[in-house]
Amino acid sequence: MKKTNAVLKVILCVACAILLVAAGFVTVLSVQAHRQFKDMDTETVHAAPMKFDTYGNPENPSVLLMHGMYMDGSMLSYYGTVLSSSYYVIIPTFHGMEGASQTVFKSFDGECEAIEAYVKENLAGKLDYAYGISMGATAIYHILQRGNISLSKAILDGLYVANQGAVAAYMTCTSYYKFHQELLAGQDFDLGMMKIGFKLMGMGEDEAKAMLRDDMTGNAMTFANMSRAAYANYTYQVDVSAHIEDTVVAFWCGSKEPYAIKSNRIAKPHVAHYTERIFENLAHGEFVSKHKEECAKQIASFFR
């Protein structure tokens, strides 16, 4: 018995030591992440206007489509074409994600201000409908919380407002930048620790690699822009004082993406009128990227 107790004490001491080392590592990484993102705030913002692609007749009801993180507006060009028979479709590209144009992504406020300015100038401050995927969904949610333009209906697909933290943002942007450089060089790549992140999106290794190859290869982003976008996305805080009263919101996500499901739970209490759909056996972004015809039908159906 004494020997057993001694062994248990040793195991407990080792476990405590491991936890202390792990806590120290996370603390150091967190400090490093916050320092990196704070240092980047001093970078001069390029005054280039936001890129907007439009489809269809401006006299038709307006639709705003917002793409995901580390993508650009071309991710949604299929939907611009399909929806343009009935709607005037507007697809912005986040600053810093336009490819060769090296503008600077700073914050959701900065991006939303550019979109709001476009809507005020071209649509008298009124949007009829909006759809956003992932980071695009968060941007639309932020526009709704800001309350500076009118919007009748919005679909938030794969919303991320669960505040994963600066460490997750740091690991994501450094990993994605590495993947991106290897993709541009035509090399194969290893997901490393990001396998965990993709698993939380509901993706296996092959699915994640296919997504990265399809959507990131031609999009030449700087590390600074990737870092700021990740930080804005992963540390987003819902404004609990802002209640969305006048927009009907549809929360969409796949059953395989727990962070989006958690984000919906956080966001719904601040929306007066909403519906929710969880698509069985789908991961983050799979409905919009792999089931385009059906997704377009569902988008149009909700807008009617």
Protein backbone atom coordinates (compact mmCIF):
# COMPACT_ATOMS: atom_id res chain seq x y z
CA MET A 1 0.00 0.00 0.00
CA LYS A 2 2.81 2.43 0.92
CA LYS A 3 4.52 1.70 -2.37
CA THR A 4 1.27 2.37 -4.26
CA ASN A 5 0.81 5.67 -2.47
CA ALA A 6 4.39 6.67 -3.28
CA VAL A 7 3.85 5.88 -6.97
CA LEU A 8 0.62 7.90 -7.00
CA LYS A 9 2.42 10.86 -5.41
CA VAL A 10 5.13 10.69 -8.08
CA ILE A 11 2.52 10.54 -10.86
CA LEU A 12 0.67 13.48 -9.30
CA CYS A 13 3.87 15.53 -9.06
CA VAL A 14 4.76 14.79 -12.68
CA ALA A 15 1.25 15.69 -13.81
CA CYS A 16 1.39 18.98 -11.90
CA ALA A 17 4.80 19.78 -13.41
CA ILE A 18 3.46 19.10 -16.91
CA LEU A 19 0.46 21.34 -16.29
CA LEU A 20 2.70 24.14 -14.99
CA VAL A 21 4.96 23.89 -18.04
CA ALA A 22 1.94 23.86 -20.34
CA ALA A 23 0.43 26.87 -18.57
CA GLY A 24 3.73 28.71 -18.85
CA PHE A 25 3.99 27.88 -22.54
CA VAL A 26 0.45 29.12 -23.22
CA THR A 27 1.12 32.31 -21.24
CA VAL A 28 4.32 33.03 -23.17
CA LEU A 29 2.58 32.28 -26.46
CA SER A 30 -0.33 34.53 -25.50
CA VAL A 31 1.98 37.42 -24.62
CA GLN A 32 3.87 36.90 -27.89
CA ALA A 33 0.61 36.84 -29.86
CA HIS A 34 -0.77 40.00 -28.26
CA ARG A 35 2.59 41.79 -28.74
CA GLN A 36 2.71 40.81 -32.41
CA PHE A 37 -0.83 42.03 -33.10
CA LYS A 38 -0.29 45.24 -31.10
CA ASP A 39 2.90 46.00 -33.05
CA MET A 40 1.01 45.61 -36.32
CA ASP A 41 -1.50 48.28 -35.32
CA THR A 42 1.11 50.94 -36.09
CA GLU A 43 1.29 49.99 -39.79
CA THR A 44 0.11 52.73 -42.14
CA VAL A 45 -3.27 52.02 -43.70
CA HIS A 46 -3.29 52.23 -47.48
CA ALA A 47 -6.04 54.53 -48.68
CA ALA A 48 -7.09 52.29 -51.59
CA PRO A 49 -10.86 51.80 -51.74
CA MET A 50 -12.47 48.45 -51.03
CA LYS A 51 -12.94 46.28 -54.12
CA PHE A 52 -16.59 45.67 -55.05
CA ASP A 53 -17.77 43.33 -57.81
CA THR A 54 -21.38 43.73 -58.93
CA TYR A 55 -23.75 41.52 -60.92
CA GLY A 56 -27.18 42.18 -62.40
CA ASN A 57 -29.53 45.13 -62.68
CA PRO A 58 -29.18 47.88 -60.03
CA GLU A 59 -32.98 48.30 -60.16
CA ASN A 60 -33.47 44.81 -58.69
CA PRO A 61 -33.46 44.06 -54.93
CA SER A 62 -29.93 44.27 -53.56
CA VAL A 63 -27.92 41.36 -52.16
CA LEU A 64 -24.60 41.64 -50.34
CA LEU A 65 -22.40 38.50 -50.39
CA MET A 66 -19.40 38.32 -48.01
CA HIS A 67 -16.57 35.79 -48.38
CA GLY A 68 -14.57 33.92 -45.75
CA MET A 69 -11.18 34.55 -44.15
CA TYR A 70 -8.10 34.32 -46.41
CA MET A 71 -10.33 34.12 -49.49
CA ASP A 72 -11.50 36.88 -51.81
CA GLY A 73 -14.72 37.86 -53.55
CA SER A 74 -14.20 35.34 -56.33
CA MET A 75 -15.13 32.64 -53.80
CA LEU A 76 -18.75 33.74 -54.30
CA SER A 77 -18.70 34.61 -58.02
CA TYR A 78 -20.90 31.58 -58.85
CA TYR A 79 -23.61 33.01 -56.61
CA GLY A 80 -23.23 36.46 -58.13
CA THR A 81 -23.92 35.00 -61.55
CA VAL A 82 -26.81 32.74 -60.48
CA LEU A 83 -28.58 35.34 -58.34
CA SER A 84 -28.11 38.20 -60.82
CA SER A 85 -31.22 37.22 -62.81
CA SER A 86 -33.40 38.41 -59.91
CA TYR A 87 -31.12 40.53 -57.72
CA TYR A 88 -28.46 43.21 -57.86
CA VAL A 89 -25.54 41.36 -56.28
CA ILE A 90 -22.66 43.15 -54.55
CA ILE A 91 -19.55 41.17 -53.56
CA PRO A 92 -16.86 43.09 -51.64
CA THR A 93 -13.39 41.77 -50.95
CA PHE A 94 -11.90 42.44 -47.54
CA HIS A 95 -8.92 44.79 -47.56
CA GLY A 96 -5.63 42.89 -47.71
CA MET A 97 -7.21 39.90 -49.44
CA GLU A 98 -7.39 41.23 -53.02
CA GLY A 99 -4.29 39.40 -54.25
CA ALA A 100 -1.73 41.68 -55.88
CA SER A 101 -3.17 44.88 -54.36
CA GLN A 102 -1.47 45.35 -50.99
CA THR A 103 -4.10 47.22 -49.02
CA VAL A 104 -4.24 46.76 -45.26
CA PHE A 105 -6.82 44.89 -43.23
CA LYS A 106 -7.16 46.61 -39.85
CA SER A 107 -10.40 45.62 -38.13
CA PHE A 108 -14.04 44.68 -38.56
CA ASP A 109 -14.96 48.31 -37.87
CA GLY A 110 -12.78 49.47 -40.75
CA GLU A 111 -14.20 46.89 -43.17
CA CYS A 112 -17.79 47.57 -42.12
CA GLU A 113 -17.32 51.32 -42.50
CA ALA A 114 -16.23 50.81 -46.11
CA ILE A 115 -19.27 48.62 -46.85
CA GLU A 116 -21.64 51.02 -45.11
CA ALA A 117 -20.21 53.94 -47.10
CA TYR A 118 -20.78 52.03 -50.35
CA VAL A 119 -24.39 51.22 -49.39
CA LYS A 120 -25.11 54.81 -48.39
CA GLU A 121 -23.61 56.20 -51.59
CA ASN A 122 -25.08 53.69 -54.04
CA LEU A 123 -28.20 52.29 -52.35
CA ALA A 124 -29.43 55.20 -50.22
CA GLY A 125 -28.32 53.35 -47.08
CA LYS A 126 -30.61 50.37 -47.61
CA LEU A 127 -29.68 46.75 -48.37
CA ASP A 128 -32.43 44.24 -49.02
CA TYR A 129 -30.55 41.00 -48.31
CA ALA A 130 -27.15 39.66 -47.27
CA TYR A 131 -25.33 36.34 -47.06
CA GLY A 132 -21.99 35.82 -45.34
CA ILE A 133 -19.83 32.74 -44.87
CA SER A 134 -17.46 32.37 -41.90
CA MET A 135 -15.62 35.69 -41.47
CA GLY A 136 -18.12 37.20 -43.91
CA ALA A 137 -20.92 36.13 -41.58
CA THR A 138 -19.16 37.83 -38.67
CA ALA A 139 -18.78 41.02 -40.74
CA ILE A 140 -22.51 41.07 -41.52
CA TYR A 141 -23.35 40.43 -37.86
CA HIS A 142 -21.08 43.34 -36.96
CA ILE A 143 -22.83 45.57 -39.51
CA LEU A 144 -26.16 44.64 -37.93
CA GLN A 145 -24.87 45.42 -34.44
CA ARG A 146 -23.51 48.78 -35.62
CA GLY A 147 -26.94 49.71 -37.00
CA ASN A 148 -25.74 52.29 -39.53
CA ILE A 149 -27.56 50.91 -42.59
CA SER A 150 -30.88 49.16 -43.17
CA LEU A 151 -30.99 45.42 -43.95
CA SER A 152 -34.16 43.33 -44.27
CA LYS A 153 -32.86 39.74 -44.17
CA ALA A 154 -29.44 38.16 -43.57
CA ILE A 155 -28.01 34.63 -43.66
CA LEU A 156 -25.05 34.04 -41.34
CA ASP A 157 -23.41 30.79 -42.46
CA GLY A 158 -20.71 29.43 -40.13
CA LEU A 159 -20.67 32.47 -37.85
CA TYR A 160 -17.59 32.71 -35.58
CA VAL A 161 -18.11 34.92 -32.51
CA ALA A 162 -17.05 32.43 -29.83
CA ASN A 163 -13.78 34.30 -29.04
CA GLN A 164 -11.19 31.56 -29.49
CA GLY A 165 -8.45 33.91 -28.30
CA ALA A 166 -5.16 35.44 -29.41
CA VAL A 167 -3.21 32.16 -29.13
CA ALA A 168 -5.58 30.43 -31.56
CA ALA A 169 -5.31 33.43 -33.88
CA TYR A 170 -1.50 33.36 -33.73
CA MET A 171 -1.32 29.64 -34.43
CA THR A 172 -3.83 29.95 -37.27
CA CYS A 173 -2.17 32.82 -39.11
CA THR A 174 1.36 31.38 -38.81
CA SER A 175 0.15 27.97 -40.03
CA TYR A 176 -1.93 29.39 -42.88
CA TYR A 177 0.94 31.61 -44.01
CA LYS A 178 3.20 28.56 -44.18
CA PHE A 179 0.54 26.62 -46.12
CA HIS A 180 0.08 29.56 -48.45
CA GLN A 181 3.77 29.91 -49.28
CA GLU A 182 4.03 26.18 -49.96
CA LEU A 183 0.90 26.27 -52.15
CA LEU A 184 2.25 29.18 -54.18
CA ALA A 185 5.49 27.23 -54.65
CA GLY A 186 3.54 24.17 -55.81
CA GLN A 187 4.69 22.11 -52.83
CA ASP A 188 2.84 19.62 -50.68
CA PHE A 189 2.36 20.65 -47.05
CA ASP A 190 1.71 19.18 -43.63
CA LEU A 191 -1.16 20.54 -41.53
CA GLY A 192 0.73 20.00 -38.28
CA MET A 193 -1.11 21.31 -35.21
CA MET A 194 -3.79 22.84 -37.44
CA LYS A 195 -5.24 19.36 -37.78
CA ILE A 196 -6.93 20.13 -34.46
CA GLY A 197 -8.33 23.41 -35.80
CA PHE A 198 -9.67 21.78 -38.93
CA LYS A 199 -11.19 18.98 -36.87
CA LEU A 200 -13.15 21.64 -34.96
CA MET A 201 -14.42 22.82 -38.35
CA GLY A 202 -15.52 19.26 -39.08
CA MET A 203 -12.79 18.59 -41.65
CA GLY A 204 -10.39 15.69 -41.98
CA GLU A 205 -6.87 16.20 -43.34
CA ASP A 206 -7.74 15.47 -46.98
CA GLU A 207 -10.78 17.76 -46.89
CA ALA A 208 -8.78 20.59 -45.32
CA LYS A 209 -5.99 20.31 -47.88
CA ALA A 210 -8.47 20.28 -50.75
CA MET A 211 -10.13 23.42 -49.37
CA LEU A 212 -6.79 25.21 -49.03
CA ARG A 213 -5.75 24.26 -52.57
CA ASP A 214 -9.07 25.36 -54.06
CA ASP A 215 -9.48 28.66 -52.26
CA MET A 216 -6.03 29.98 -51.28
CA THR A 217 -3.63 29.23 -54.11
CA GLY A 218 -3.94 32.47 -56.08
CA ASN A 219 -4.60 34.87 -53.22
CA ALA A 220 -1.28 36.60 -52.40
CA MET A 221 -1.73 37.90 -48.85
CA THR A 222 0.94 39.38 -46.59
CA PHE A 223 1.65 37.82 -43.22
CA ALA A 224 0.63 41.07 -41.50
CA ASN A 225 -2.80 41.05 -43.14
CA MET A 226 -3.29 37.37 -42.38
CA SER A 227 -2.39 38.04 -38.74
CA ARG A 228 -4.74 40.97 -38.31
CA ALA A 229 -7.62 39.12 -39.98
CA ALA A 230 -7.12 36.10 -37.70
CA TYR A 231 -6.92 38.30 -34.62
CA ALA A 232 -10.10 40.21 -35.55
CA ASN A 233 -11.94 36.98 -36.25
CA TYR A 234 -10.73 34.88 -33.31
CA THR A 235 -11.05 37.56 -30.62
CA TYR A 236 -14.38 39.02 -31.75
CA GLN A 237 -16.61 40.12 -28.89
CA VAL A 238 -20.38 40.44 -29.32
CA ASP A 239 -21.67 43.83 -28.20
CA VAL A 240 -24.25 42.72 -25.63
CA SER A 241 -25.79 46.21 -25.56
CA ALA A 242 -26.66 46.14 -29.28
CA HIS A 243 -29.95 44.39 -30.05
CA ILE A 244 -30.84 43.59 -33.67
CA GLU A 245 -34.53 44.41 -34.01
CA ASP A 246 -35.33 45.08 -37.67
CA THR A 247 -33.50 42.31 -39.57
CA VAL A 248 -34.66 38.71 -39.91
CA VAL A 249 -31.54 36.60 -39.42
CA ALA A 250 -31.00 32.98 -40.49
CA PHE A 251 -28.22 31.19 -38.61
CA TRP A 252 -26.79 28.38 -40.78
CA CYS A 253 -24.02 25.91 -40.07
CA GLY A 254 -23.05 22.27 -40.50
CA SER A 255 -23.57 19.69 -37.79
CA LYS A 256 -19.81 19.02 -37.78
CA GLU A 257 -18.72 22.53 -36.76
CA PRO A 258 -19.01 22.99 -32.98
CA TYR A 259 -17.58 26.53 -32.91
CA ALA A 260 -20.27 27.80 -35.27
CA ILE A 261 -22.97 26.09 -33.21
CA LYS A 262 -21.53 27.71 -30.08
CA SER A 263 -21.35 31.07 -31.87
CA ASN A 264 -25.02 30.84 -32.79
CA ARG A 265 -25.89 30.29 -29.14
CA ILE A 266 -23.93 33.43 -28.24
CA ALA A 267 -25.40 35.59 -31.02
CA LYS A 268 -29.09 34.57 -30.96
CA PRO A 269 -30.06 36.31 -27.69
CA HIS A 270 -29.23 39.66 -29.34
CA VAL A 271 -31.46 39.09 -32.38
CA ALA A 272 -35.20 39.67 -32.13
CA HIS A 273 -36.23 37.67 -35.22
CA TYR A 274 -34.24 34.64 -36.33
CA THR A 275 -34.35 31.10 -37.68
CA GLU A 276 -31.68 28.42 -37.39
CA ARG A 277 -30.70 25.57 -39.69
CA ILE A 278 -28.04 22.96 -38.95
CA PHE A 279 -27.15 20.94 -42.04
CA GLU A 280 -26.46 17.31 -41.23
CA ASN A 281 -23.00 15.85 -41.91
CA LEU A 282 -21.58 19.10 -43.27
CA ALA A 283 -18.40 20.83 -42.08
CA HIS A 284 -17.48 24.52 -42.07
CA GLY A 285 -18.16 26.10 -45.47
CA GLU A 286 -19.08 22.84 -47.19
CA PHE A 287 -22.63 23.85 -48.12
CA VAL A 288 -21.53 26.98 -49.98
CA SER A 289 -18.46 25.36 -51.58
CA LYS A 290 -19.56 21.79 -52.35
CA HIS A 291 -23.32 22.07 -52.84
CA LYS A 292 -23.53 25.29 -54.82
CA GLU A 293 -26.73 24.66 -56.75
CA GLU A 294 -28.71 23.68 -53.67
CA CYS A 295 -27.13 26.44 -51.58
CA ALA A 296 -28.11 29.05 -54.18
CA LYS A 297 -31.68 27.75 -54.14
CA GLN A 298 -31.84 27.93 -50.34
CA ILE A 299 -30.39 31.44 -50.31
CA ALA A 300 -32.95 32.68 -52.85
CA SER A 301 -35.75 30.90 -51.01
CA PHE A 302 -34.94 32.68 -47.75
CA PHE A 303 -34.69 36.06 -49.50
CA ARG A 304 -38.16 35.76 -51.07
